[in-house]
Amino acid sequence: MTAPEPDQQRTMDTEPLRVAVIGSGPAGIYAADALTRQHRVPVRVDVMDRLPTPYGLVRYGVAPDHTRIKGVARALSKVLEHPHVRFVGGVEFGATLTRAHLARTHHAVVYATGASVDRRLGVPGEDLPGSVAATDFVNWYCGHPDSELERFVLGAEEVAVVGAGNVALDVARILVKTADELRHTDIPQPVLEALAASRVRTVHLLARRGPLQAKFTAPELRDLLALPDVDVVVPADQVAIDPADVGGPAPELHQVARAARTNLRLLSEQARRAPRGCRRRVRLHFWVRPEEILGTDRVTGVRLERTRLEPDGHLVGTGETEVLDAGMVLRSVGYAGVPLPGVPFDPVERTVPQEEGRVLDPSGRPVRGDYVAGWLKRGATGVIGTNKSDAAGTVRSLLDDAPALRSAVPAPVPLETVLDELGIAHSGYGDWLRIDSAEAEQAEELDRGERVKLHGWRAYRDVIEGD
């Protein structure tokens, strides 16, 4: 390839590197932050999302009563307010806007769409009415505009939550809290009213492994145990483990994370407390896995199989079963990435193949101009802050490639030109601020804390269009 003339090279070096970030959750915004904090290369960043609201799982995944974690949005907003960053909402990558279009407008694309769907149990009865993904329930109580109010009626008195991670504990906690306890949160008003009418009295938390293998963190567990009007029932025989034995040769004791010791202490203390006769309760069940979800027209129960660990750490069933009555089953066994049109995808790992953030094609070669960050890059692991170092690593690779990226797209056209050609109506950061203000005004009108989320697409459009 012929090298650019000296004057052309100087122009290329001073022209901003234009980067499109697909996804406005923490991973995407941290990528934009890393791009604008560096001084090696001038940049302009467009952070795109199909929703008119930024922040991804911080807005639509963090439990509404975790107000401290939701404060992360305030830090993320500083990035979107940077003069070299632009938020472009209402644009769904792969639907109308494709990678070929972005090849005209940007030198590079960072995919940061996360892991937005649940992993399935793979058992009979999983598709019965009343058997749903915890992600759907989380979307519902977090006010995701795709979630319909009628999706959850909460008419069952007993609910089974399959999983032992933080999301499972979030779901259980929201199910057993009273509406008064949730009034100060940002839950949409129609959802709060549905929770107030809930008939749920008992939530069963089902963990395939033991208390030392549970993935929930100690702060989440403390939040559950501290609920004032809820009995949390812990089976004493399943937590009767001598702390001195932890780390021993038995498979259920071997290779135990340090945090699990704290969980064990909290669970053991709770097991020794007598139930207080509260109106609602959470029952923990360790060493069980769903074998079948029961029911004809809708869920009526779950057949559970007892489990144990083999010496090599492999989980197996014992053949011993029991039936648990439940009118609803929520599966919370992990998140999975969704393939993006035209982007390589590993269907087993449910991630985009990559090396140091560079997207790899099926032959293992980097795809020029394509990068990935966050859960779509590494899987659904880590906490919100993990995305910061993850995104920084991807951005380092992107900046190392900057000369080649500029040469490949010497004269990018404005994004607005392409969006207008495609007839894509989009929103901006100012539109988000109008939604933000409307939610604060709604909270004041309802006397409900700092904000109450708008509910549904129509409410968003009415605010953006000024109706």
Protein backbone atom coordinates (compact mmCIF):
# COMPACT_ATOMS: atom_id res chain seq x y z
CA MET A 1 0.00 0.00 0.00
CA THR A 2 1.32 3.46 -0.90
CA ALA A 3 2.22 5.58 2.12
CA PRO A 4 0.32 8.87 2.56
CA GLU A 5 2.05 12.08 1.46
CA PRO A 6 3.62 13.99 4.40
CA ASP A 7 0.94 16.73 4.46
CA GLN A 8 -1.80 14.13 4.24
CA GLN A 9 -0.19 12.14 7.07
CA ARG A 10 -0.05 15.24 9.31
CA THR A 11 -3.74 15.91 8.63
CA MET A 12 -4.63 12.29 9.42
CA ASP A 13 -2.67 12.42 12.67
CA THR A 14 -4.50 15.54 13.89
CA GLU A 15 -7.99 14.60 12.72
CA PRO A 16 -9.95 12.91 15.50
CA LEU A 17 -10.20 9.15 15.54
CA ARG A 18 -13.92 8.47 15.32
CA VAL A 19 -15.14 5.57 17.46
CA ALA A 20 -18.64 4.12 17.72
CA VAL A 21 -19.47 2.36 20.98
CA ILE A 22 -22.47 0.04 20.72
CA GLY A 23 -24.13 -0.11 24.12
CA SER A 24 -24.40 2.57 26.82
CA GLY A 25 -24.04 0.39 29.90
CA PRO A 26 -20.98 0.56 32.17
CA ALA A 27 -18.70 -1.29 29.71
CA GLY A 28 -19.55 1.05 26.85
CA ILE A 29 -19.32 4.23 28.89
CA TYR A 30 -16.07 3.13 30.53
CA ALA A 31 -14.67 2.55 27.02
CA ALA A 32 -15.66 6.10 26.09
CA ASP A 33 -14.06 7.31 29.32
CA ALA A 34 -10.78 5.54 28.58
CA LEU A 35 -10.75 6.97 25.06
CA THR A 36 -11.24 10.55 26.21
CA ARG A 37 -8.83 10.38 29.16
CA GLN A 38 -5.82 9.47 27.02
CA HIS A 39 -3.68 12.02 25.15
CA ARG A 40 -2.07 9.83 22.50
CA VAL A 41 -4.77 10.31 19.88
CA PRO A 42 -7.54 12.91 19.54
CA VAL A 43 -10.92 11.15 19.55
CA ARG A 44 -14.63 11.67 19.04
CA VAL A 45 -16.90 9.01 20.50
CA ASP A 46 -20.51 8.18 19.68
CA VAL A 47 -22.11 6.00 22.36
CA MET A 48 -25.15 4.33 20.76
CA ASP A 49 -28.07 2.50 22.30
CA ARG A 50 -31.44 1.27 21.06
CA LEU A 51 -33.04 2.85 24.15
CA PRO A 52 -33.37 6.60 24.71
CA THR A 53 -31.97 6.06 28.22
CA PRO A 54 -28.31 5.31 28.98
CA TYR A 55 -26.58 3.24 31.71
CA GLY A 56 -27.72 -0.28 30.76
CA LEU A 57 -27.85 -2.66 33.73
CA VAL A 58 -27.18 0.17 36.18
CA ARG A 59 -30.65 1.45 35.27
CA TYR A 60 -32.38 -1.79 34.32
CA GLY A 61 -30.53 -4.47 36.28
CA VAL A 62 -29.50 -3.12 39.67
CA ALA A 63 -32.24 -3.74 42.23
CA PRO A 64 -34.22 -0.54 42.91
CA ASP A 65 -33.53 -0.70 46.65
CA HIS A 66 -29.76 -0.65 46.02
CA THR A 67 -29.64 3.11 45.81
CA ARG A 68 -25.92 3.31 46.59
CA ILE A 69 -25.01 1.18 43.55
CA LYS A 70 -27.43 3.16 41.41
CA GLY A 71 -25.30 6.18 42.29
CA VAL A 72 -22.80 4.84 39.75
CA ALA A 73 -25.03 6.46 37.13
CA ARG A 74 -23.95 9.88 38.38
CA ALA A 75 -20.31 9.03 37.67
CA LEU A 76 -21.19 7.59 34.26
CA SER A 77 -23.11 10.75 33.37
CA LYS A 78 -19.88 12.76 33.60
CA VAL A 79 -18.50 10.72 30.71
CA LEU A 80 -21.55 11.32 28.51
CA GLU A 81 -21.23 15.05 29.26
CA HIS A 82 -17.65 15.15 27.96
CA PRO A 83 -17.44 17.50 24.94
CA HIS A 84 -15.95 14.74 22.78
CA VAL A 85 -18.60 12.15 23.66
CA ARG A 86 -22.09 12.02 22.20
CA PHE A 87 -25.00 9.82 23.30
CA VAL A 88 -27.11 8.59 20.38
CA GLY A 89 -30.27 6.83 21.55
CA GLY A 90 -32.99 5.06 19.61
CA VAL A 91 -30.51 3.37 17.27
CA GLU A 92 -30.52 -0.42 17.18
CA PHE A 93 -27.33 -1.86 15.72
CA GLY A 94 -27.99 -4.62 13.21
CA ALA A 95 -31.65 -3.76 12.63
CA THR A 96 -31.31 -0.85 10.22
CA LEU A 97 -27.84 0.45 11.04
CA THR A 98 -25.22 -2.16 10.13
CA ARG A 99 -21.47 -2.55 10.42
CA ALA A 100 -21.19 -1.59 6.73
CA HIS A 101 -22.82 1.74 7.51
CA LEU A 102 -20.48 2.39 10.43
CA ALA A 103 -17.51 1.64 8.16
CA ARG A 104 -18.41 4.91 6.41
CA THR A 105 -18.78 6.97 9.60
CA HIS A 106 -16.22 5.65 12.09
CA HIS A 107 -12.69 4.34 12.19
CA ALA A 108 -13.50 1.75 14.85
CA VAL A 109 -16.44 0.11 16.60
CA VAL A 110 -16.47 -1.17 20.19
CA TYR A 111 -19.23 -3.69 20.90
CA ALA A 112 -20.43 -3.46 24.51
CA THR A 113 -23.97 -4.80 24.48
CA GLY A 114 -23.49 -7.04 27.52
CA ALA A 115 -25.25 -10.32 28.23
CA SER A 116 -28.93 -9.57 28.03
CA VAL A 117 -30.69 -12.94 28.12
CA ASP A 118 -30.93 -15.70 30.69
CA ARG A 119 -29.41 -19.15 30.54
CA ARG A 120 -32.00 -21.92 30.49
CA LEU A 121 -32.37 -24.88 32.84
CA GLY A 122 -33.00 -27.39 30.07
CA VAL A 123 -35.65 -29.36 31.99
CA PRO A 124 -39.19 -30.50 31.04
CA GLY A 125 -41.88 -27.94 31.79
CA GLU A 126 -39.56 -24.95 31.54
CA ASP A 127 -41.87 -23.22 29.05
CA LEU A 128 -45.06 -23.59 31.09
CA PRO A 129 -46.88 -20.37 31.97
CA GLY A 130 -45.50 -19.29 35.32
CA SER A 131 -41.95 -20.45 34.51
CA VAL A 132 -39.98 -17.37 33.57
CA ALA A 133 -36.50 -15.94 33.50
CA ALA A 134 -35.41 -13.87 36.46
CA THR A 135 -34.09 -11.38 33.89
CA ASP A 136 -37.68 -10.79 32.76
CA PHE A 137 -38.77 -10.16 36.33
CA VAL A 138 -35.82 -7.81 36.90
CA ASN A 139 -36.71 -5.91 33.70
CA TRP A 140 -40.28 -5.65 34.98
CA TYR A 141 -39.53 -4.21 38.40
CA CYS A 142 -36.76 -2.00 37.00
CA GLY A 143 -39.16 -0.45 34.49
CA HIS A 144 -37.58 -1.59 31.22
CA PRO A 145 -39.79 -0.22 28.43
CA ASP A 146 -39.95 -3.62 26.71
CA SER A 147 -41.58 -5.16 29.79
CA GLU A 148 -45.39 -5.10 29.93
CA LEU A 149 -47.10 -4.45 33.23
CA GLU A 150 -49.35 -7.51 32.84
CA ARG A 151 -46.30 -9.78 32.54
CA PHE A 152 -46.36 -10.46 36.30
CA VAL A 153 -49.54 -10.73 38.35
CA LEU A 154 -47.92 -12.34 41.43
CA GLY A 155 -50.98 -14.41 42.31
CA ALA A 156 -49.03 -17.44 43.60
CA GLU A 157 -48.43 -17.81 47.33
CA GLU A 158 -45.24 -19.86 46.85
CA VAL A 159 -42.47 -18.99 44.39
CA ALA A 160 -39.29 -20.91 43.60
CA VAL A 161 -36.17 -19.00 42.56
CA VAL A 162 -33.55 -21.24 40.99
CA GLY A 163 -30.05 -19.91 41.58
CA ALA A 164 -27.64 -18.83 44.29
CA GLY A 165 -26.19 -15.61 42.92
CA ASN A 166 -26.81 -11.97 43.74
CA VAL A 167 -29.62 -11.67 41.18
CA ALA A 168 -31.46 -14.57 42.82
CA LEU A 169 -31.22 -12.81 46.19
CA ASP A 170 -32.35 -9.52 44.63
CA VAL A 171 -35.42 -11.21 43.18
CA ALA A 172 -36.27 -12.93 46.46
CA ARG A 173 -35.85 -9.70 48.41
CA ILE A 174 -38.11 -7.69 46.08
CA LEU A 175 -40.76 -10.43 46.24
CA VAL A 176 -40.96 -10.38 50.04
CA LYS A 177 -40.55 -6.67 50.73
CA THR A 178 -43.68 -4.63 51.35
CA ALA A 179 -44.76 -1.84 49.03
CA ASP A 180 -44.12 0.65 51.83
CA GLU A 181 -40.50 -0.54 52.04
CA LEU A 182 -40.12 0.05 48.30
CA ARG A 183 -41.85 3.43 48.13
CA HIS A 184 -38.60 5.36 48.38
CA THR A 185 -37.15 3.54 45.33
CA ASP A 186 -37.50 4.39 41.64
CA ILE A 187 -39.83 1.45 40.83
CA PRO A 188 -42.50 2.64 38.35
CA GLN A 189 -45.77 3.43 40.10
CA PRO A 190 -47.84 0.76 38.27
CA VAL A 191 -45.25 -1.88 39.20
CA LEU A 192 -45.26 -0.76 42.83
CA GLU A 193 -49.04 -1.13 42.87
CA ALA A 194 -48.75 -4.64 41.43
CA LEU A 195 -46.23 -5.55 44.15
CA ALA A 196 -48.58 -4.14 46.78
CA ALA A 197 -51.27 -6.56 45.56
CA SER A 198 -48.89 -9.55 45.56
CA ARG A 199 -50.09 -12.76 47.20
CA VAL A 200 -46.56 -14.16 47.56
CA ARG A 201 -45.91 -15.47 51.07
CA THR A 202 -42.99 -17.88 50.66
CA VAL A 203 -39.97 -17.72 48.36
CA HIS A 204 -37.83 -20.84 48.00
CA LEU A 205 -34.21 -20.24 46.99
CA LEU A 206 -32.86 -23.36 45.27
CA ALA A 207 -29.08 -23.84 45.07
CA ARG A 208 -27.55 -26.71 43.11
CA ARG A 209 -24.48 -26.77 45.35
CA GLY A 210 -23.75 -26.13 49.00
CA PRO A 211 -23.46 -22.96 51.07
CA LEU A 212 -19.72 -22.71 50.44
CA GLN A 213 -20.25 -22.75 46.66
CA ALA A 214 -23.02 -20.13 46.60
CA LYS A 215 -22.16 -17.16 44.39
CA PHE A 216 -24.02 -14.48 46.33
CA THR A 217 -21.90 -11.97 48.20
CA ALA A 218 -21.97 -11.25 51.92
CA PRO A 219 -23.50 -7.75 51.51
CA GLU A 220 -26.38 -9.22 49.47
CA LEU A 221 -26.89 -11.94 52.05
CA ARG A 222 -26.87 -9.40 54.90
CA ASP A 223 -29.52 -7.35 53.08
CA LEU A 224 -31.77 -10.39 52.92
CA LEU A 225 -31.20 -11.42 56.53
CA ALA A 226 -31.86 -7.87 57.76
CA LEU A 227 -35.40 -7.62 56.37
CA PRO A 228 -37.53 -6.59 59.37
CA ASP A 229 -40.72 -8.54 58.67
CA VAL A 230 -39.40 -11.64 56.88
CA ASP A 231 -38.36 -15.00 58.30
CA VAL A 232 -35.29 -16.34 56.51
CA VAL A 233 -35.17 -20.08 57.12
CA VAL A 234 -31.78 -21.74 56.75
CA PRO A 235 -31.54 -25.56 57.05
CA ALA A 236 -29.26 -26.11 60.03
CA ASP A 237 -28.02 -29.50 58.84
CA GLN A 238 -26.80 -28.02 55.55
CA VAL A 239 -24.71 -25.29 57.18
CA ALA A 240 -23.38 -27.39 60.06
CA ILE A 241 -19.81 -27.10 58.82
CA ASP A 242 -16.86 -26.57 61.15
CA PRO A 243 -14.93 -23.53 59.82
CA ALA A 244 -11.72 -25.41 60.66
CA ASP A 245 -12.66 -28.03 58.05
CA VAL A 246 -13.06 -25.52 55.23
CA GLY A 247 -10.31 -26.04 52.68
CA GLY A 248 -10.03 -29.73 53.54
CA PRO A 249 -9.93 -32.59 51.03
CA ALA A 250 -13.70 -33.20 50.80
CA PRO A 251 -15.03 -31.86 47.45
CA GLU A 252 -17.64 -29.64 49.12
CA LEU A 253 -14.90 -28.09 51.30
CA HIS A 254 -12.05 -27.88 48.82
CA GLN A 255 -11.07 -24.72 46.90
CA VAL A 256 -13.48 -22.46 48.74
CA ALA A 257 -13.38 -18.72 48.13
CA ARG A 258 -12.49 -16.57 51.14
CA ALA A 259 -15.81 -14.74 50.92
CA ALA A 260 -17.64 -18.05 51.33
CA ARG A 261 -16.39 -18.29 54.91
CA THR A 262 -18.26 -15.09 55.74
CA ASN A 263 -21.39 -16.44 54.06
CA LEU A 264 -21.10 -19.64 56.08
CA ARG A 265 -20.85 -17.70 59.34
CA LEU A 266 -23.90 -15.57 58.48
CA LEU A 267 -25.93 -18.60 57.41
CA SER A 268 -24.95 -20.58 60.51
CA GLU A 269 -25.99 -17.72 62.77
CA GLN A 270 -29.32 -17.44 60.96
CA ALA A 271 -29.94 -21.20 61.22
CA ARG A 272 -29.78 -20.88 65.00
CA ARG A 273 -32.47 -18.19 65.10
CA ALA A 274 -36.04 -19.31 65.67
CA PRO A 275 -38.64 -18.14 63.11
CA ARG A 276 -40.58 -15.11 64.34
CA GLY A 277 -43.88 -15.98 62.68
CA CYS A 278 -43.54 -13.24 60.05
CA ARG A 279 -46.08 -12.82 57.27
CA ARG A 280 -43.52 -13.62 54.59
CA ARG A 281 -40.57 -15.99 54.54
CA VAL A 282 -37.60 -17.04 52.42
CA ARG A 283 -36.48 -20.67 52.62
CA LEU A 284 -32.99 -21.64 51.45
CA HIS A 285 -32.50 -25.10 49.95
CA PHE A 286 -28.96 -26.25 49.18
CA TRP A 287 -27.88 -29.33 47.21
CA VAL A 288 -30.98 -29.51 44.97
CA ARG A 289 -31.56 -29.00 41.27
CA PRO A 290 -34.78 -28.90 39.21
CA GLU A 291 -35.47 -32.16 37.43
CA GLU A 292 -38.86 -31.09 36.06
CA ILE A 293 -41.20 -28.13 36.35
CA LEU A 294 -44.65 -29.54 37.03
CA GLY A 295 -48.06 -28.48 35.80
CA THR A 296 -50.50 -28.82 32.92
CA ASP A 297 -51.83 -25.36 32.05
CA ARG A 298 -49.36 -23.53 34.29
CA VAL A 299 -46.73 -24.18 36.94
CA THR A 300 -47.88 -26.02 40.06
CA GLY A 301 -44.55 -27.22 41.46
CA VAL A 302 -40.99 -28.39 40.88
CA ARG A 303 -39.56 -31.88 41.10
CA LEU A 304 -36.14 -31.53 42.71
CA GLU A 305 -33.24 -33.96 42.74
CA ARG A 306 -30.69 -34.03 45.52
CA THR A 307 -27.12 -33.36 44.40
CA ARG A 308 -23.58 -33.92 45.58
CA LEU A 309 -20.05 -33.26 44.39
CA GLU A 310 -17.83 -36.01 43.04
CA PRO A 311 -14.19 -36.11 44.25
CA ASP A 312 -13.19 -34.29 41.05
CA GLY A 313 -15.66 -31.50 41.85
CA HIS A 314 -18.24 -32.56 39.25
CA LEU A 315 -21.87 -32.06 40.31
CA VAL A 316 -24.07 -35.16 40.05
CA GLY A 317 -27.58 -36.13 41.06
CA THR A 318 -28.15 -38.67 43.80
CA GLY A 319 -31.42 -40.03 42.39
CA GLU A 320 -33.32 -38.91 45.49
CA THR A 321 -36.19 -36.59 44.55
CA GLU A 322 -38.87 -34.49 46.21
CA VAL A 323 -41.70 -32.26 44.98
CA LEU A 324 -41.89 -28.62 46.02
CA ASP A 325 -45.20 -26.78 45.58
CA ALA A 326 -44.81 -23.48 43.74
CA GLY A 327 -47.07 -21.43 41.51
CA MET A 328 -44.19 -19.60 39.83
CA VAL A 329 -40.58 -20.52 39.02
CA LEU A 330 -37.95 -17.89 38.30
CA ARG A 331 -34.69 -19.20 36.86
CA SER A 332 -31.59 -17.21 37.74
CA VAL A 333 -28.69 -19.35 36.58
CA GLY A 334 -26.68 -16.77 34.68
CA TYR A 335 -26.75 -14.29 31.83
CA ALA A 336 -25.72 -14.98 28.24
CA GLY A 337 -24.60 -12.78 25.39
CA VAL A 338 -26.64 -12.37 22.21
CA PRO A 339 -25.01 -12.50 18.75
CA LEU A 340 -24.87 -9.24 16.83
CA PRO A 341 -25.49 -9.28 13.07
CA GLY A 342 -22.23 -9.49 11.16
CA VAL A 343 -20.09 -9.89 14.30
CA PRO A 344 -18.27 -13.18 15.08
CA PHE A 345 -19.82 -15.06 18.00
CA ASP A 346 -18.96 -18.14 20.04
CA PRO A 347 -22.27 -19.99 20.61
CA VAL A 348 -20.80 -22.12 23.40
CA GLU A 349 -19.20 -19.36 25.49
CA ARG A 350 -21.87 -16.87 24.37
CA THR A 351 -19.21 -14.22 23.84
CA VAL A 352 -17.43 -12.53 20.94
CA PRO A 353 -14.07 -14.21 20.20
CA GLN A 354 -11.31 -11.73 20.98
CA GLU A 355 -7.70 -11.22 21.88
CA GLU A 356 -6.84 -8.20 24.01
CA GLY A 357 -10.18 -6.72 22.99
CA ARG A 358 -9.68 -7.16 19.25
CA VAL A 359 -12.52 -9.14 17.66
CA LEU A 360 -11.29 -12.31 15.94
CA ASP A 361 -12.78 -13.86 12.80
CA PRO A 362 -13.41 -17.64 12.56
CA SER A 363 -9.81 -18.18 11.43
CA GLY A 364 -8.48 -16.38 14.52
CA ARG A 365 -7.38 -13.20 12.74
CA PRO A 366 -8.32 -9.75 14.08
CA VAL A 367 -11.22 -8.07 12.31
CA ARG A 368 -9.92 -4.62 11.40
CA GLY A 369 -11.72 -1.88 13.28
CA ASP A 370 -13.78 -4.20 15.50
CA TYR A 371 -13.34 -4.36 19.29
CA VAL A 372 -15.32 -5.70 22.23
CA ALA A 373 -15.64 -4.88 25.93
CA GLY A 374 -17.58 -5.98 29.00
CA TRP A 375 -19.67 -9.11 29.40
CA LEU A 376 -19.82 -9.64 25.65
CA LYS A 377 -16.03 -9.93 25.81
CA ARG A 378 -15.42 -11.99 28.95
CA GLY A 379 -18.82 -13.47 29.90
CA ALA A 380 -21.15 -12.44 32.71
CA THR A 381 -18.57 -12.22 35.47
CA GLY A 382 -17.32 -9.53 37.81
CA VAL A 383 -18.97 -6.43 39.25
CA ILE A 384 -19.73 -3.07 37.67
CA GLY A 385 -16.24 -1.78 38.41
CA THR A 386 -14.64 -4.76 36.65
CA ASN A 387 -15.77 -3.22 33.38
CA LYS A 388 -13.47 -0.25 33.89
CA SER A 389 -10.19 -2.15 33.65
CA ASP A 390 -11.70 -4.43 31.02
CA ALA A 391 -12.62 -1.48 28.80
CA ALA A 392 -9.23 0.15 29.36
CA GLY A 393 -7.52 -2.97 27.99
CA THR A 394 -9.67 -2.91 24.87
CA VAL A 395 -8.99 0.79 24.35
CA ARG A 396 -5.22 0.24 24.58
CA SER A 397 -5.45 -2.20 21.69
CA LEU A 398 -7.62 0.21 19.71
CA LEU A 399 -5.17 3.09 20.19
CA ASP A 400 -2.23 0.90 19.18
CA ASP A 401 -4.08 0.25 15.92
CA ALA A 402 -4.96 3.91 15.33
CA PRO A 403 -2.64 4.55 12.33
CA ALA A 404 -4.04 1.56 10.42
CA LEU A 405 -7.60 2.48 11.39
CA ARG A 406 -7.18 5.99 10.03
CA SER A 407 -5.69 4.72 6.78
CA ALA A 408 -8.64 2.36 6.27
CA VAL A 409 -11.22 5.18 6.63
CA PRO A 410 -9.42 8.36 5.51
CA ALA A 411 -12.55 10.54 5.27
CA PRO A 412 -15.44 9.37 7.48
CA VAL A 413 -18.83 10.89 6.75
CA PRO A 414 -20.96 12.34 9.56
CA LEU A 415 -23.13 9.82 11.39
CA GLU A 416 -26.14 12.09 10.95
CA THR A 417 -25.80 11.80 7.18
CA VAL A 418 -26.14 8.03 7.30
CA LEU A 419 -28.95 8.09 9.87
CA ASP A 420 -30.87 10.54 7.68
CA GLU A 421 -30.27 8.38 4.61
CA LEU A 422 -31.70 5.40 6.50
CA GLY A 423 -34.61 7.37 7.94
CA ILE A 424 -33.60 6.57 11.52
CA ALA A 425 -35.06 8.99 14.05
CA HIS A 426 -32.73 9.15 17.02
CA SER A 427 -32.55 10.84 20.39
CA GLY A 428 -29.72 12.55 22.20
CA TYR A 429 -28.43 13.28 25.67
CA GLY A 430 -30.75 16.27 25.94
CA ASP A 431 -33.71 13.95 25.42
CA TRP A 432 -32.43 11.71 28.20
CA LEU A 433 -32.18 14.73 30.49
CA ARG A 434 -35.83 15.50 29.75
CA ILE A 435 -36.76 11.94 30.76
CA ASP A 436 -34.59 12.31 33.85
CA SER A 437 -36.37 15.54 34.82
CA ALA A 438 -39.80 14.01 34.19
CA GLU A 439 -38.95 11.12 36.52
CA ALA A 440 -37.81 13.52 39.24
CA GLU A 441 -41.03 15.52 38.86
CA GLN A 442 -43.08 12.33 39.08
CA ALA A 443 -41.33 11.38 42.32
CA GLU A 444 -42.15 14.77 43.80
CA GLU A 445 -45.79 14.49 42.77
CA LEU A 446 -46.05 11.02 44.34
CA ASP A 447 -43.91 11.92 47.38
CA ARG A 448 -41.62 9.01 46.54
CA GLY A 449 -37.92 9.78 46.87
CA GLU A 450 -35.61 11.21 44.20
CA ARG A 451 -37.15 9.66 41.09
CA VAL A 452 -39.92 7.38 39.90
CA LYS A 453 -39.25 5.78 36.54
CA LEU A 454 -41.58 6.36 33.64
CA HIS A 455 -43.29 3.20 32.48
CA GLY A 456 -43.34 2.08 28.87
CA TRP A 457 -42.28 3.34 25.47
CA ARG A 458 -45.24 5.69 25.13
CA ALA A 459 -44.21 7.60 28.26
CA TYR A 460 -40.67 8.02 26.91
CA ARG A 461 -41.91 9.21 23.52
CA ASP A 462 -44.35 11.67 25.08
CA VAL A 463 -41.53 13.31 27.04
CA ILE A 464 -39.11 13.40 24.09
CA GLU A 465 -41.79 14.79 21.75
CA GLY A 466 -42.96 17.30 24.34
CA ASP A 467 -46.51 15.94 24.67
